[in-house]
Amino acid sequence: MSLAKKTFGEKYTFKEYLALEEKSEVRHDFIDGAIIPIEATTKTHNRIKRNLIKKIDVPSFSKKGCELFDENVMTQLKSKKQYVYPDIVITCHPDDNDLLIVKYPSIIVEVLSDSAERYDRTTKFFKYQRIDSLVQCVFISQNEMAVESYLKAKNTKHWLYQAMDQLDDELEFPSLEMSVSLKDIYDNISF
């Protein structure tokens, strides 16, 4: 089912968006009343996401009081008028108990696709950086071995950048006290 169309310039309320999203066969981001469709993903995209989730969602992760959600759970951006579906979102906040929405993300991971890479790296990343609870944002290419991590420097609004492109490189998650090798992230992936 597709979303009901509004005339040019009309905005949806969040309540209208939720009602439409509940009936829709595809997911949509919600940015200040505008509804943005999310493209279908590839098998490669899903393999990368699954590989990373398998390495993160281990018993020591759960003991930290954190939860990991994938692309079917909404994340609230700072303005509270914007909601998106990251590929992976991790929350470690004790008050993050809404049934539908992650309100205090700690880590966001986006697996980049040809159709959404620009949107993920610009519009969404700009908004991600303004979330007070967010400490890390990661972009993973599905077209080549390339991972970029942005880590918020403690007690600042500055972001530290790290690029990785070798099998033995480690994607570190300092807040989780763990790391994952690119070899594991790209397991069963060929370019």
Protein backbone atom coordinates (compact mmCIF):
# COMPACT_ATOMS: atom_id res chain seq x y z
CA MET A 1 0.00 0.00 0.00
CA SER A 2 1.37 3.42 -0.83
CA LEU A 3 1.11 6.54 1.25
CA ALA A 4 -1.81 8.89 0.73
CA LYS A 5 -0.72 11.85 -1.36
CA LYS A 6 -0.98 15.38 -0.12
CA THR A 7 -0.94 18.38 -2.40
CA PHE A 8 2.38 20.06 -3.11
CA GLY A 9 3.76 21.79 -0.01
CA GLU A 10 1.44 20.11 2.48
CA LYS A 11 3.14 18.42 5.39
CA TYR A 12 2.15 15.34 7.33
CA THR A 13 1.75 15.41 11.10
CA PHE A 14 3.66 12.78 13.02
CA LYS A 15 0.38 11.08 13.90
CA GLU A 16 -0.57 10.92 10.19
CA TYR A 17 2.88 9.59 9.36
CA LEU A 18 2.61 6.80 11.96
CA ALA A 19 -0.84 5.81 10.67
CA LEU A 20 0.41 5.71 7.08
CA GLU A 21 3.63 3.92 8.02
CA GLU A 22 1.65 1.21 9.81
CA LYS A 23 -0.17 0.36 6.56
CA SER A 24 2.70 0.89 4.15
CA GLU A 25 4.65 -1.97 2.57
CA VAL A 26 7.83 0.15 2.48
CA ARG A 27 9.49 2.22 5.20
CA HIS A 28 9.80 6.02 5.13
CA ASP A 29 11.89 8.55 7.04
CA PHE A 30 9.98 11.53 8.46
CA ILE A 31 11.76 14.88 8.25
CA ASP A 32 9.80 17.95 9.40
CA GLY A 33 6.52 16.72 7.89
CA ALA A 34 8.03 15.36 4.67
CA ILE A 35 7.98 11.62 4.06
CA ILE A 36 11.05 10.14 2.35
CA PRO A 37 10.83 6.57 1.01
CA ILE A 38 13.62 4.15 1.88
CA GLU A 39 14.85 1.98 -0.96
CA ALA A 40 14.88 -1.81 -0.77
CA THR A 41 18.25 -3.30 0.19
CA THR A 42 20.50 -5.85 -1.51
CA LYS A 43 21.69 -9.24 -0.30
CA THR A 44 25.18 -7.74 0.13
CA HIS A 45 23.73 -4.99 2.31
CA ASN A 46 21.98 -7.56 4.48
CA ARG A 47 25.04 -9.83 4.73
CA ILE A 48 27.18 -6.93 5.94
CA LYS A 49 24.56 -5.89 8.48
CA ARG A 50 24.10 -9.47 9.69
CA ASN A 51 27.87 -10.01 9.97
CA LEU A 52 28.24 -6.91 12.14
CA ILE A 53 25.24 -7.73 14.33
CA LYS A 54 26.60 -11.24 14.99
CA LYS A 55 29.86 -9.77 16.26
CA ILE A 56 28.27 -7.04 18.41
CA ASP A 57 25.24 -8.80 19.90
CA VAL A 58 27.16 -11.14 22.20
CA PRO A 59 26.62 -11.82 25.94
CA SER A 60 29.12 -9.13 27.04
CA PHE A 61 27.16 -6.57 24.99
CA SER A 62 23.86 -7.40 26.67
CA LYS A 63 25.43 -7.17 30.13
CA LYS A 64 26.21 -3.49 29.48
CA GLY A 65 22.48 -2.71 29.44
CA CYS A 66 22.56 -1.91 25.74
CA GLU A 67 20.15 -2.96 23.02
CA LEU A 68 20.70 -3.28 19.27
CA PHE A 69 17.94 -2.72 16.72
CA ASP A 70 18.06 -3.02 12.97
CA GLU A 71 16.48 -1.10 10.12
CA ASN A 72 12.87 -1.69 11.16
CA VAL A 73 12.99 0.46 14.30
CA MET A 74 12.71 4.26 14.13
CA THR A 75 15.24 6.60 15.68
CA GLN A 76 14.23 10.06 16.86
CA LEU A 77 16.46 12.91 15.83
CA LYS A 78 17.08 15.86 18.10
CA SER A 79 14.25 18.07 16.85
CA LYS A 80 11.59 15.47 17.79
CA LYS A 81 10.01 16.24 14.41
CA GLN A 82 12.35 13.94 12.55
CA TYR A 83 12.45 10.15 12.58
CA VAL A 84 14.66 7.85 10.52
CA TYR A 85 15.47 4.16 10.15
CA PRO A 86 19.23 3.59 10.51
CA ASP A 87 20.49 0.18 9.40
CA ILE A 88 21.71 -0.50 12.94
CA VAL A 89 21.08 1.59 16.05
CA ILE A 90 22.38 0.85 19.53
CA THR A 91 21.03 2.45 22.67
CA CYS A 92 22.52 2.13 26.14
CA HIS A 93 20.31 4.72 27.82
CA PRO A 94 18.22 3.43 30.77
CA ASP A 95 15.24 5.66 29.82
CA ASP A 96 15.06 4.45 26.22
CA ASN A 97 11.93 2.39 26.72
CA ASP A 98 9.49 3.59 24.02
CA LEU A 99 7.96 0.60 22.20
CA LEU A 100 8.36 2.08 18.69
CA ILE A 101 11.20 4.60 18.78
CA VAL A 102 14.83 4.74 19.91
CA LYS A 103 15.08 8.16 21.52
CA TYR A 104 18.64 8.02 22.90
CA PRO A 105 20.88 6.34 20.32
CA SER A 106 24.51 5.73 21.30
CA ILE A 107 25.79 4.27 18.02
CA ILE A 108 24.35 4.44 14.51
CA VAL A 109 25.58 2.32 11.60
CA GLU A 110 24.61 2.93 7.98
CA VAL A 111 25.46 0.41 5.25
CA LEU A 112 25.78 2.61 2.18
CA SER A 113 23.83 1.85 -0.98
CA ASP A 114 24.12 3.56 -4.35
CA SER A 115 20.66 5.08 -4.07
CA ALA A 116 20.90 6.33 -0.46
CA GLU A 117 24.61 7.07 0.09
CA ARG A 118 24.33 10.81 -0.52
CA TYR A 119 21.26 11.11 1.73
CA ASP A 120 22.93 9.03 4.50
CA ARG A 121 26.22 10.96 4.36
CA THR A 122 24.71 14.44 4.18
CA THR A 123 21.16 15.02 5.41
CA LYS A 124 21.07 12.17 7.91
CA PHE A 125 24.66 12.49 9.14
CA PHE A 126 24.24 16.24 9.69
CA LYS A 127 21.23 15.49 11.89
CA TYR A 128 22.90 12.52 13.62
CA GLN A 129 25.74 14.75 14.80
CA ARG A 130 23.26 16.90 16.74
CA ILE A 131 21.90 14.02 18.85
CA ASP A 132 23.27 14.56 22.36
CA SER A 133 23.36 10.86 23.26
CA LEU A 134 25.14 9.76 20.07
CA VAL A 135 28.82 8.92 20.53
CA GLN A 136 29.61 7.15 17.24
CA CYS A 137 28.40 7.00 13.65
CA VAL A 138 29.73 4.41 11.21
CA PHE A 139 29.40 4.20 7.42
CA ILE A 140 30.10 0.87 5.69
CA SER A 141 30.40 0.58 1.92
CA GLN A 142 28.81 -2.40 0.23
CA ASN A 143 30.68 -1.77 -3.06
CA GLU A 144 34.24 -1.92 -1.75
CA MET A 145 36.07 -2.66 1.48
CA ALA A 146 35.71 0.74 3.11
CA VAL A 147 34.52 1.62 6.60
CA GLU A 148 34.44 5.11 8.11
CA SER A 149 33.93 5.78 11.78
CA TYR A 150 33.09 9.13 13.36
CA LEU A 151 33.63 9.14 17.11
CA LYS A 152 32.55 12.08 19.26
CA ALA A 153 35.46 13.42 21.31
CA LYS A 154 34.61 13.38 25.03
CA ASN A 155 33.02 16.54 26.44
CA THR A 156 33.04 18.28 23.04
CA LYS A 157 31.00 18.50 19.88
CA HIS A 158 34.01 17.52 17.77
CA TRP A 159 34.01 14.31 15.77
CA LEU A 160 37.14 12.22 15.20
CA TYR A 161 37.36 10.48 11.84
CA GLN A 162 38.92 7.10 11.04
CA ALA A 163 38.96 5.38 7.62
CA MET A 164 39.63 1.65 7.26
CA ASP A 165 40.14 -0.44 4.12
CA GLN A 166 42.24 -3.48 5.05
CA LEU A 167 41.04 -6.93 6.16
CA ASP A 168 42.99 -6.71 9.42
CA ASP A 169 41.75 -3.20 10.28
CA GLU A 170 39.55 -3.11 13.38
CA LEU A 171 36.38 -1.06 13.70
CA GLU A 172 36.51 -0.02 17.34
CA PHE A 173 33.47 0.65 19.48
CA PRO A 174 35.05 2.28 22.57
CA SER A 175 31.74 2.78 24.37
CA LEU A 176 31.06 -0.96 24.07
CA GLU A 177 34.66 -1.94 24.81
CA MET A 178 34.84 -4.09 21.68
CA SER A 179 36.07 -4.09 18.12
CA VAL A 180 35.20 -5.95 14.92
CA SER A 181 37.65 -6.67 12.11
CA LEU A 182 36.84 -5.74 8.54
CA LYS A 183 37.47 -9.39 7.74
CA ASP A 184 34.45 -10.26 9.90
CA ILE A 185 32.31 -7.39 8.58
CA TYR A 186 32.96 -8.41 4.97
CA ASP A 187 32.77 -12.17 5.54
CA ASN A 188 31.17 -13.90 2.51
CA ILE A 189 31.23 -10.65 0.48
CA SER A 190 32.95 -10.39 -2.90
CA PHE A 191 33.55 -7.26 -4.93
